Protein backbone atom coordinates (compact mmCIF):
# COMPACT_ATOMS: atom_id res chain seq x y z
CA MET A 1 61.54 31.96 -42.97
CA GLY A 2 63.34 28.87 -41.79
CA ARG A 3 63.90 27.26 -44.99
CA ASP A 4 66.65 27.40 -47.47
CA LYS A 5 66.44 30.04 -50.00
CA ILE A 6 67.42 27.87 -53.06
CA SER A 7 66.22 24.40 -52.31
CA GLY A 8 63.22 25.09 -49.92
CA ALA A 9 64.27 22.68 -47.72
CA PRO A 10 63.97 23.26 -43.70
CA LEU A 11 67.09 24.67 -42.25
CA SER A 12 67.35 21.61 -40.23
CA GLY A 13 68.12 19.58 -43.37
CA GLY A 14 66.71 17.28 -45.92
CA ASP A 15 64.82 18.54 -48.94
CA GLU A 16 61.84 20.69 -49.79
CA SER A 17 59.16 18.02 -48.49
CA SER A 18 61.05 17.18 -45.57
CA ALA A 19 59.45 17.83 -42.32
CA PRO A 20 61.42 20.50 -40.11
CA ASP A 21 63.45 19.30 -37.10
CA PHE A 22 62.83 22.06 -34.38
CA ALA A 23 65.06 20.20 -32.20
CA ALA A 24 68.14 20.34 -34.58
CA ARG A 25 70.99 22.66 -33.77
CA SER A 26 73.58 24.56 -35.62
CA ALA A 27 77.28 23.99 -35.18
CA GLY A 28 77.23 26.99 -32.73
CA GLY A 29 74.57 25.33 -30.73
CA SER A 30 71.68 27.50 -31.61
CA PRO A 31 68.38 26.16 -33.11
CA ALA A 32 68.83 25.52 -36.68
CA ILE A 33 65.52 26.99 -37.57
CA PRO A 34 65.17 30.25 -35.62
CA GLU A 35 62.15 30.36 -33.38
CA ALA A 36 60.87 33.61 -34.95
CA SER A 37 61.01 32.07 -38.46
CA HIS A 38 57.91 31.82 -40.50
CA VAL A 39 57.97 28.12 -40.36
CA ALA A 40 58.62 27.70 -36.56
CA LEU A 41 55.58 29.91 -35.86
CA MET A 42 53.45 28.50 -38.35
CA HIS A 43 53.89 24.83 -38.32
CA PRO A 44 51.04 22.78 -37.41
CA THR A 45 52.99 20.96 -34.69
CA ARG A 46 53.31 24.10 -32.82
CA ASN A 47 49.85 25.26 -33.30
CA ALA A 48 47.51 22.43 -31.84
CA GLY A 49 47.82 20.72 -35.15
CA VAL A 50 45.99 23.69 -36.90
CA HIS A 51 46.32 22.92 -40.85
CA MET A 52 45.36 24.97 -43.62
CA LEU A 53 45.53 24.35 -47.41
CA ARG A 54 47.45 27.49 -48.79
CA ARG A 55 48.44 28.73 -52.05
CA GLY A 56 50.75 31.78 -52.97
CA TYR A 57 50.06 33.29 -56.45
CA ASN A 58 52.71 35.48 -57.62
CA TYR A 59 51.47 38.45 -59.71
CA THR A 60 53.23 41.47 -61.72
CA ASP A 61 51.09 44.15 -62.67
CA GLY A 62 53.38 46.65 -64.42
CA SER A 63 54.69 49.75 -63.09
CA ASP A 64 53.01 52.93 -61.09
CA GLU A 65 53.35 56.51 -62.41
CA LEU A 66 56.85 56.71 -60.68
CA GLY A 67 58.22 53.71 -62.41
CA ARG A 68 57.94 51.40 -59.32
CA LEU A 69 57.04 47.87 -60.29
CA ASP A 70 53.64 46.61 -59.04
CA ALA A 71 54.32 43.24 -58.13
CA GLY A 72 53.42 40.96 -54.99
CA LEU A 73 51.78 37.70 -53.69
CA PHE A 74 48.20 36.67 -53.49
CA PHE A 75 47.88 34.39 -50.51
CA ILE A 76 44.85 32.25 -50.42
CA ALA A 77 44.01 30.04 -47.42
CA PHE A 78 41.54 27.24 -47.04
CA VAL A 79 40.18 26.66 -43.42
CA ARG A 80 37.29 24.85 -41.83
CA ASP A 81 36.68 27.53 -39.32
CA PRO A 82 38.65 31.01 -39.61
CA ARG A 83 38.03 31.75 -35.93
CA ARG A 84 40.08 28.45 -34.87
CA HIS A 85 42.21 27.93 -37.88
CA PHE A 86 43.38 31.28 -39.37
CA THR A 87 42.99 34.10 -36.70
CA PRO A 88 45.17 32.43 -34.32
CA LEU A 89 47.86 32.18 -36.60
CA LEU A 90 47.48 35.76 -37.64
CA ALA A 91 48.22 36.78 -34.25
CA ARG A 92 51.16 34.83 -33.77
CA MET A 93 52.80 36.78 -37.11
CA GLN A 94 53.33 39.44 -35.11
CA PHE A 95 56.47 37.55 -33.73
CA ASP A 96 57.35 36.38 -37.21
CA LEU A 97 60.64 37.74 -38.94
CA LEU A 98 59.02 37.52 -42.37
CA THR A 99 56.75 40.41 -41.43
CA GLU A 100 59.39 42.59 -42.13
CA TYR A 101 58.98 42.03 -45.87
CA LEU A 102 55.29 42.03 -45.91
CA GLN A 103 52.77 44.84 -46.80
CA HIS A 104 49.01 43.57 -46.24
CA LEU A 105 46.79 45.39 -48.49
CA THR A 106 43.39 43.83 -47.94
CA SER A 107 41.62 40.68 -46.92
CA SER A 108 38.55 38.74 -47.44
CA VAL A 109 36.64 35.62 -45.91
CA PHE A 110 34.36 33.79 -48.19
CA ALA A 111 31.87 30.81 -47.23
CA ILE A 112 32.25 27.86 -49.55
CA PRO A 113 30.12 25.16 -49.41
CA PRO A 114 31.25 21.49 -49.30
CA GLY A 115 31.55 19.20 -51.92
CA LEU A 116 29.17 16.50 -53.30
CA ARG A 117 27.94 13.58 -51.23
CA ASP A 118 26.61 10.30 -52.82
CA GLY A 119 23.08 11.28 -54.15
CA GLN A 120 23.61 14.92 -54.30
CA THR A 121 23.20 16.74 -57.70
CA TYR A 122 24.17 20.10 -57.16
CA LEU A 123 26.76 22.09 -55.04
CA GLY A 124 25.59 23.20 -51.80
CA GLN A 125 22.59 20.84 -51.79
CA GLN A 126 22.59 20.16 -47.88
CA LEU A 127 22.17 24.01 -47.27
CA PHE A 128 19.06 24.17 -49.01
CA GLU A 129 17.21 20.93 -48.68
CA PRO A 130 16.39 19.20 -45.49
CA ALA A 131 18.56 16.04 -44.57
CA ALA A 132 16.86 12.72 -45.73
CA GLY A 133 16.02 10.54 -42.76
């Protein structure tokens, strides 16, 4: 992952909100944050500044017929253009050590209209009415 399991701090040091230092080295001389870690591969400074608003929601849905726990994580990301901001990162995940622990079940893409601007009275108004001019 590239972060401390308990505190969430980058392996380069600091606390959960500290920026990762990809130049930091371990006592043995190797990178403090492994190159194939999730944080190293997905960080905006290593992806042409691409940012996404992302949220993970844990779920537990009981057990299946064999008694195995049905639990996981819903991953939700908001991006301006999925082709520029999500698909390239998804391609990089083939090298991500975290992938060993993931099982992808499904995905969806939704268009969400921008929020209200001054003078607008309903969500998506700029999509349905001509611009004032």
